């Protein structure tokens, strides 16, 4: 993941009001090798098990 981060990707984190972690996404760019165009890409998407099924991804 270090090479992805060094090329401009970044983490977006989801936290509770008290600051505890709920989950995260690693977002960056990748090249579509068929069209050679840059496109947004989700490298990681994770939600801690205790927060799954709560509808956090709906909005």
PDB file of N, CA and C in Angstrom:
ATOM      1  N   UNK A   1       0.801  -1.192   0.000  1.00  0.00           N
ATOM      2  CA  UNK A   1       0.000   0.000   0.000  1.00  0.00           C
ATOM      3  C   UNK A   1       0.853   1.270   0.000  1.00  0.00           C
ATOM      4  N   UNK A   2       2.099   1.175   0.410  1.00  0.00           N
ATOM      5  CA  UNK A   2       2.940   2.376   0.445  1.00  0.00           C
ATOM      6  C   UNK A   2       3.087   3.001  -0.930  1.00  0.00           C
ATOM      7  N   UNK A   3       3.206   2.182  -1.979  1.00  0.00           N
ATOM      8  CA  UNK A   3       3.338   2.750  -3.317  1.00  0.00           C
ATOM      9  C   UNK A   3       2.052   3.458  -3.747  1.00  0.00           C
ATOM     10  N   UNK A   4       0.913   2.938  -3.345  1.00  0.00           N
ATOM     11  CA  UNK A   4      -0.364   3.576  -3.658  1.00  0.00           C
ATOM     12  C   UNK A   4      -0.464   4.913  -2.927  1.00  0.00           C
ATOM     13  N   UNK A   5      -0.093   4.928  -1.658  1.00  0.00           N
ATOM     14  CA  UNK A   5      -0.147   6.160  -0.875  1.00  0.00           C
ATOM     15  C   UNK A   5       0.842   7.196  -1.404  1.00  0.00           C
ATOM     16  N   UNK A   6       2.019   6.756  -1.819  1.00  0.00           N
ATOM     17  CA  UNK A   6       3.014   7.703  -2.328  1.00  0.00           C
ATOM     18  C   UNK A   6       2.621   8.269  -3.690  1.00  0.00           C
ATOM     19  N   UNK A   7       1.679   7.621  -4.371  1.00  0.00           N
ATOM     20  CA  UNK A   7       1.227   8.134  -5.671  1.00  0.00           C
ATOM     21  C   UNK A   7      -0.021   9.010  -5.550  1.00  0.00           C
ATOM     22  N   UNK A   8      -0.420   9.364  -4.316  1.00  0.00           N
ATOM     23  CA  UNK A   8      -1.516  10.301  -4.137  1.00  0.00           C
ATOM     24  C   UNK A   8      -2.795   9.737  -3.557  1.00  0.00           C
ATOM     25  N   UNK A   9      -2.859   8.441  -3.315  1.00  0.00           N
ATOM     26  CA  UNK A   9      -4.058   7.870  -2.705  1.00  0.00           C
ATOM     27  C   UNK A   9      -4.142   8.331  -1.246  1.00  0.00           C
ATOM     28  N   UNK A  10      -5.333   8.257  -0.679  1.00  0.00           N
ATOM     29  CA  UNK A  10      -5.496   8.700   0.703  1.00  0.00           C
ATOM     30  C   UNK A  10      -6.615   7.907   1.376  1.00  0.00           C
ATOM     31  N   UNK A  11      -6.556   7.886   2.705  1.00  0.00           N
ATOM     32  CA  UNK A  11      -7.576   7.227   3.501  1.00  0.00           C
ATOM     33  C   UNK A  11      -8.655   8.221   3.905  1.00  0.00           C
ATOM     34  N   UNK A  12      -9.897   7.768   3.874  1.00  0.00           N
ATOM     35  CA  UNK A  12     -11.040   8.474   4.434  1.00  0.00           C
ATOM     36  C   UNK A  12     -11.539   7.590   5.564  1.00  0.00           C
ATOM     37  N   UNK A  13     -11.673   8.168   6.759  1.00  0.00           N
ATOM     38  CA  UNK A  13     -12.076   7.362   7.911  1.00  0.00           C
ATOM     39  C   UNK A  13     -13.438   7.802   8.425  1.00  0.00           C
ATOM     40  N   UNK A  14     -14.161   6.853   9.002  1.00  0.00           N
ATOM     41  CA  UNK A  14     -15.462   7.102   9.609  1.00  0.00           C
ATOM     42  C   UNK A  14     -15.312   6.834  11.099  1.00  0.00           C
ATOM     43  N   UNK A  15     -15.677   7.828  11.902  1.00  0.00           N
ATOM     44  CA  UNK A  15     -15.543   7.719  13.351  1.00  0.00           C
ATOM     45  C   UNK A  15     -16.865   8.026  14.051  1.00  0.00           C
ATOM     46  N   UNK A  16     -16.994   7.496  15.268  1.00  0.00           N
ATOM     47  CA  UNK A  16     -18.112   7.841  16.145  1.00  0.00           C
ATOM     48  C   UNK A  16     -17.922   9.259  16.659  1.00  0.00           C
ATOM     49  N   UNK A  17     -18.945   9.789  17.306  1.00  0.00           N
ATOM     50  CA  UNK A  17     -18.831  11.113  17.929  1.00  0.00           C
ATOM     51  C   UNK A  17     -17.734  11.150  18.992  1.00  0.00           C
ATOM     52  N   UNK A  18     -17.474  10.009  19.635  1.00  0.00           N
ATOM     53  CA  UNK A  18     -16.432   9.958  20.656  1.00  0.00           C
ATOM     54  C   UNK A  18     -15.035   9.724  20.059  1.00  0.00           C
ATOM     55  N   UNK A  19     -14.947   9.608  18.742  1.00  0.00           N
ATOM     56  CA  UNK A  19     -13.653   9.468  18.070  1.00  0.00           C
ATOM     57  C   UNK A  19     -13.223   8.056  17.768  1.00  0.00           C
ATOM     58  N   UNK A  20     -13.974   7.050  18.220  1.00  0.00           N
ATOM     59  CA  UNK A  20     -13.573   5.671  17.936  1.00  0.00           C
ATOM     60  C   UNK A  20     -13.860   5.329  16.467  1.00  0.00           C
ATOM     61  N   UNK A  21     -13.033   4.480  15.927  1.00  0.00           N
ATOM     62  CA  UNK A  21     -13.072   4.131  14.510  1.00  0.00           C
ATOM     63  C   UNK A  21     -14.242   3.211  14.174  1.00  0.00           C
ATOM     64  N   UNK A  22     -14.954   3.524  13.081  1.00  0.00           N
ATOM     65  CA  UNK A  22     -16.009   2.654  12.551  1.00  0.00           C
ATOM     66  C   UNK A  22     -15.539   1.926  11.289  1.00  0.00           C
ATOM     67  N   UNK A  23     -14.746   2.608  10.452  1.00  0.00           N
ATOM     68  CA  UNK A  23     -14.286   1.999   9.211  1.00  0.00           C
ATOM     69  C   UNK A  23     -13.458   2.980   8.408  1.00  0.00           C
ATOM     70  N   UNK A  24     -13.050   2.547   7.194  1.00  0.00           N
ATOM     71  CA  UNK A  24     -12.220   3.397   6.343  1.00  0.00           C
ATOM     72  C   UNK A  24     -12.305   2.968   4.889  1.00  0.00           C
ATOM     73  N   UNK A  25     -11.846   3.864   4.019  1.00  0.00           N
ATOM     74  CA  UNK A  25     -11.711   3.577   2.590  1.00  0.00           C
ATOM     75  C   UNK A  25     -10.374   4.156   2.135  1.00  0.00           C
ATOM     76  N   UNK A  26      -9.680   3.431   1.283  1.00  0.00           N
ATOM     77  CA  UNK A  26      -8.456   3.925   0.649  1.00  0.00           C
ATOM     78  C   UNK A  26      -8.823   4.255  -0.791  1.00  0.00           C
ATOM     79  N   UNK A  27      -8.704   5.525  -1.146  1.00  0.00           N
ATOM     80  CA  UNK A  27      -9.178   6.026  -2.436  1.00  0.00           C
ATOM     81  C   UNK A  27      -8.015   6.626  -3.214  1.00  0.00           C
ATOM     82  N   UNK A  28      -7.990   6.369  -4.502  1.00  0.00           N
ATOM     83  CA  UNK A  28      -6.944   6.944  -5.341  1.00  0.00           C
ATOM     84  C   UNK A  28      -7.328   6.870  -6.802  1.00  0.00           C
ATOM     85  N   UNK A  29      -6.315   6.962  -7.650  1.00  0.00           N
ATOM     86  CA  UNK A  29      -6.512   6.859  -9.100  1.00  0.00           C
ATOM     87  C   UNK A  29      -5.823   5.609  -9.623  1.00  0.00           C
ATOM     88  N   UNK A  30      -6.334   5.135 -10.714  1.00  0.00           N
ATOM     89  CA  UNK A  30      -5.731   4.013 -11.413  1.00  0.00           C
ATOM     90  C   UNK A  30      -5.906   4.280 -12.902  1.00  0.00           C
ATOM     91  N   UNK A  31      -5.166   3.591 -13.721  1.00  0.00           N
ATOM     92  CA  UNK A  31      -5.279   3.754 -15.175  1.00  0.00           C
ATOM     93  C   UNK A  31      -6.038   2.565 -15.745  1.00  0.00           C
ATOM     94  N   UNK A  32      -7.057   2.857 -16.525  1.00  0.00           N
ATOM     95  CA  UNK A  32      -7.793   1.829 -17.251  1.00  0.00           C
ATOM     96  C   UNK A  32      -6.922   1.435 -18.445  1.00  0.00           C
ATOM     97  N   UNK A  33      -6.405   0.237 -18.426  1.00  0.00           N
ATOM     98  CA  UNK A  33      -5.452  -0.176 -19.458  1.00  0.00           C
ATOM     99  C   UNK A  33      -6.097  -0.398 -20.826  1.00  0.00           C
ATOM    100  N   UNK A  34      -7.409  -0.485 -20.875  1.00  0.00           N
ATOM    101  CA  UNK A  34      -8.100  -0.611 -22.157  1.00  0.00           C
ATOM    102  C   UNK A  34      -8.205   0.750 -22.849  1.00  0.00           C
ATOM    103  N   UNK A  35      -8.531   1.795 -22.075  1.00  0.00           N
ATOM    104  CA  UNK A  35      -8.723   3.122 -22.654  1.00  0.00           C
ATOM    105  C   UNK A  35      -7.552   4.066 -22.363  1.00  0.00           C
ATOM    106  N   UNK A  36      -6.676   3.668 -21.453  1.00  0.00           N
ATOM    107  CA  UNK A  36      -5.529   4.466 -21.003  1.00  0.00           C
ATOM    108  C   UNK A  36      -5.959   5.771 -20.337  1.00  0.00           C
ATOM    109  N   UNK A  37      -7.187   5.807 -19.794  1.00  0.00           N
ATOM    110  CA  UNK A  37      -7.681   6.973 -19.076  1.00  0.00           C
ATOM    111  C   UNK A  37      -7.557   6.740 -17.578  1.00  0.00           C
ATOM    112  N   UNK A  38      -7.383   7.843 -16.853  1.00  0.00           N
ATOM    113  CA  UNK A  38      -7.347   7.760 -15.398  1.00  0.00           C
ATOM    114  C   UNK A  38      -8.775   7.635 -14.870  1.00  0.00           C
ATOM    115  N   UNK A  39      -8.908   6.880 -13.808  1.00  0.00           N
ATOM    116  CA  UNK A  39     -10.221   6.695 -13.198  1.00  0.00           C
ATOM    117  C   UNK A  39     -10.052   6.603 -11.691  1.00  0.00           C
ATOM    118  N   UNK A  40     -11.062   7.053 -10.962  1.00  0.00           N
ATOM    119  CA  UNK A  40     -11.061   6.880  -9.518  1.00  0.00           C
ATOM    120  C   UNK A  40     -11.132   5.406  -9.175  1.00  0.00           C
ATOM    121  N   UNK A  41     -10.493   5.029  -8.062  1.00  0.00           N
ATOM    122  CA  UNK A  41     -10.429   3.618  -7.703  1.00  0.00           C
ATOM    123  C   UNK A  41     -10.483   3.478  -6.192  1.00  0.00           C
ATOM    124  N   UNK A  42     -11.254   2.526  -5.703  1.00  0.00           N
ATOM    125  CA  UNK A  42     -11.306   2.219  -4.277  1.00  0.00           C
ATOM    126  C   UNK A  42     -10.408   1.004  -4.053  1.00  0.00           C
ATOM    127  N   UNK A  43      -9.303   1.213  -3.346  1.00  0.00           N
ATOM    128  CA  UNK A  43      -8.354   0.137  -3.078  1.00  0.00           C
ATOM    129  C   UNK A  43      -8.760  -0.693  -1.871  1.00  0.00           C
ATOM    130  N   UNK A  44      -9.303  -0.047  -0.864  1.00  0.00           N
ATOM    131  CA  UNK A  44      -9.771  -0.733   0.346  1.00  0.00           C
ATOM    132  C   UNK A  44     -11.095  -0.114   0.767  1.00  0.00           C
ATOM    133  N   UNK A  45     -11.973  -0.935   1.293  1.00  0.00           N
ATOM    134  CA  UNK A  45     -13.228  -0.466   1.876  1.00  0.00           C
ATOM    135  C   UNK A  45     -13.528  -1.407   3.031  1.00  0.00           C
ATOM    136  N   UNK A  46     -13.576  -0.870   4.242  1.00  0.00           N
ATOM    137  CA  UNK A  46     -13.741  -1.734   5.405  1.00  0.00           C
ATOM    138  C   UNK A  46     -14.617  -1.060   6.446  1.00  0.00           C
ATOM    139  N   UNK A  47     -15.525  -1.824   7.022  1.00  0.00           N
ATOM    140  CA  UNK A  47     -16.365  -1.389   8.125  1.00  0.00           C
ATOM    141  C   UNK A  47     -16.220  -2.427   9.232  1.00  0.00           C
ATOM    142  N   UNK A  48     -15.935  -1.982  10.437  1.00  0.00           N
ATOM    143  CA  UNK A  48     -15.784  -2.912  11.553  1.00  0.00           C
ATOM    144  C   UNK A  48     -17.066  -3.725  11.721  1.00  0.00           C
ATOM    145  N   UNK A  49     -16.944  -5.007  12.081  1.00  0.00           N
ATOM    146  CA  UNK A  49     -18.116  -5.895  12.131  1.00  0.00           C
ATOM    147  C   UNK A  49     -19.283  -5.376  12.970  1.00  0.00           C
ATOM    148  N   UNK A  50     -19.008  -4.709  14.082  1.00  0.00           N
ATOM    149  CA  UNK A  50     -20.104  -4.256  14.943  1.00  0.00           C
ATOM    150  C   UNK A  50     -20.929  -3.127  14.335  1.00  0.00           C
ATOM    151  N   UNK A  51     -20.458  -2.525  13.231  1.00  0.00           N
ATOM    152  CA  UNK A  51     -21.201  -1.440  12.579  1.00  0.00           C
ATOM    153  C   UNK A  51     -21.840  -1.870  11.256  1.00  0.00           C
ATOM    154  N   UNK A  52     -21.632  -3.094  10.858  1.00  0.00           N
ATOM    155  CA  UNK A  52     -22.219  -3.591   9.607  1.00  0.00           C
ATOM    156  C   UNK A  52     -23.722  -3.788   9.776  1.00  0.00           C
ATOM    157  N   UNK A  53     -24.467  -3.566   8.693  1.00  0.00           N
ATOM    158  CA  UNK A  53     -25.912  -3.754   8.717  1.00  0.00           C
ATOM    159  C   UNK A  53     -26.667  -2.576   9.300  1.00  0.00           C
ATOM    160  N   UNK A  54     -25.973  -1.483   9.608  1.00  0.00           N
ATOM    161  CA  UNK A  54     -26.609  -0.314  10.216  1.00  0.00           C
ATOM    162  C   UNK A  54     -27.006   0.732   9.190  1.00  0.00           C
ATOM    163  N   UNK A  55     -26.832   0.452   7.892  1.00  0.00           N
ATOM    164  CA  UNK A  55     -27.221   1.385   6.857  1.00  0.00           C
ATOM    165  C   UNK A  55     -26.232   2.521   6.632  1.00  0.00           C
ATOM    166  N   UNK A  56     -25.007   2.389   7.101  1.00  0.00           N
ATOM    167  CA  UNK A  56     -24.021   3.467   6.952  1.00  0.00           C
ATOM    168  C   UNK A  56     -23.640   3.734   5.515  1.00  0.00           C
ATOM    169  N   UNK A  57     -23.775   2.780   4.633  1.00  0.00           N
ATOM    170  CA  UNK A  57     -23.415   2.968   3.244  1.00  0.00           C
ATOM    171  C   UNK A  57     -24.555   3.442   2.346  1.00  0.00           C
ATOM    172  N   UNK A  58     -25.695   3.699   2.915  1.00  0.00           N
ATOM    173  CA  UNK A  58     -26.858   4.077   2.099  1.00  0.00           C
ATOM    174  C   UNK A  58     -26.863   5.531   1.673  1.00  0.00           C
ATOM    175  N   UNK A  59     -26.287   6.412   2.451  1.00  0.00           N
ATOM    176  CA  UNK A  59     -26.362   7.844   2.132  1.00  0.00           C
ATOM    177  C   UNK A  59     -25.128   8.325   1.498  1.00  0.00           C
TER     178      UNK A  59
END
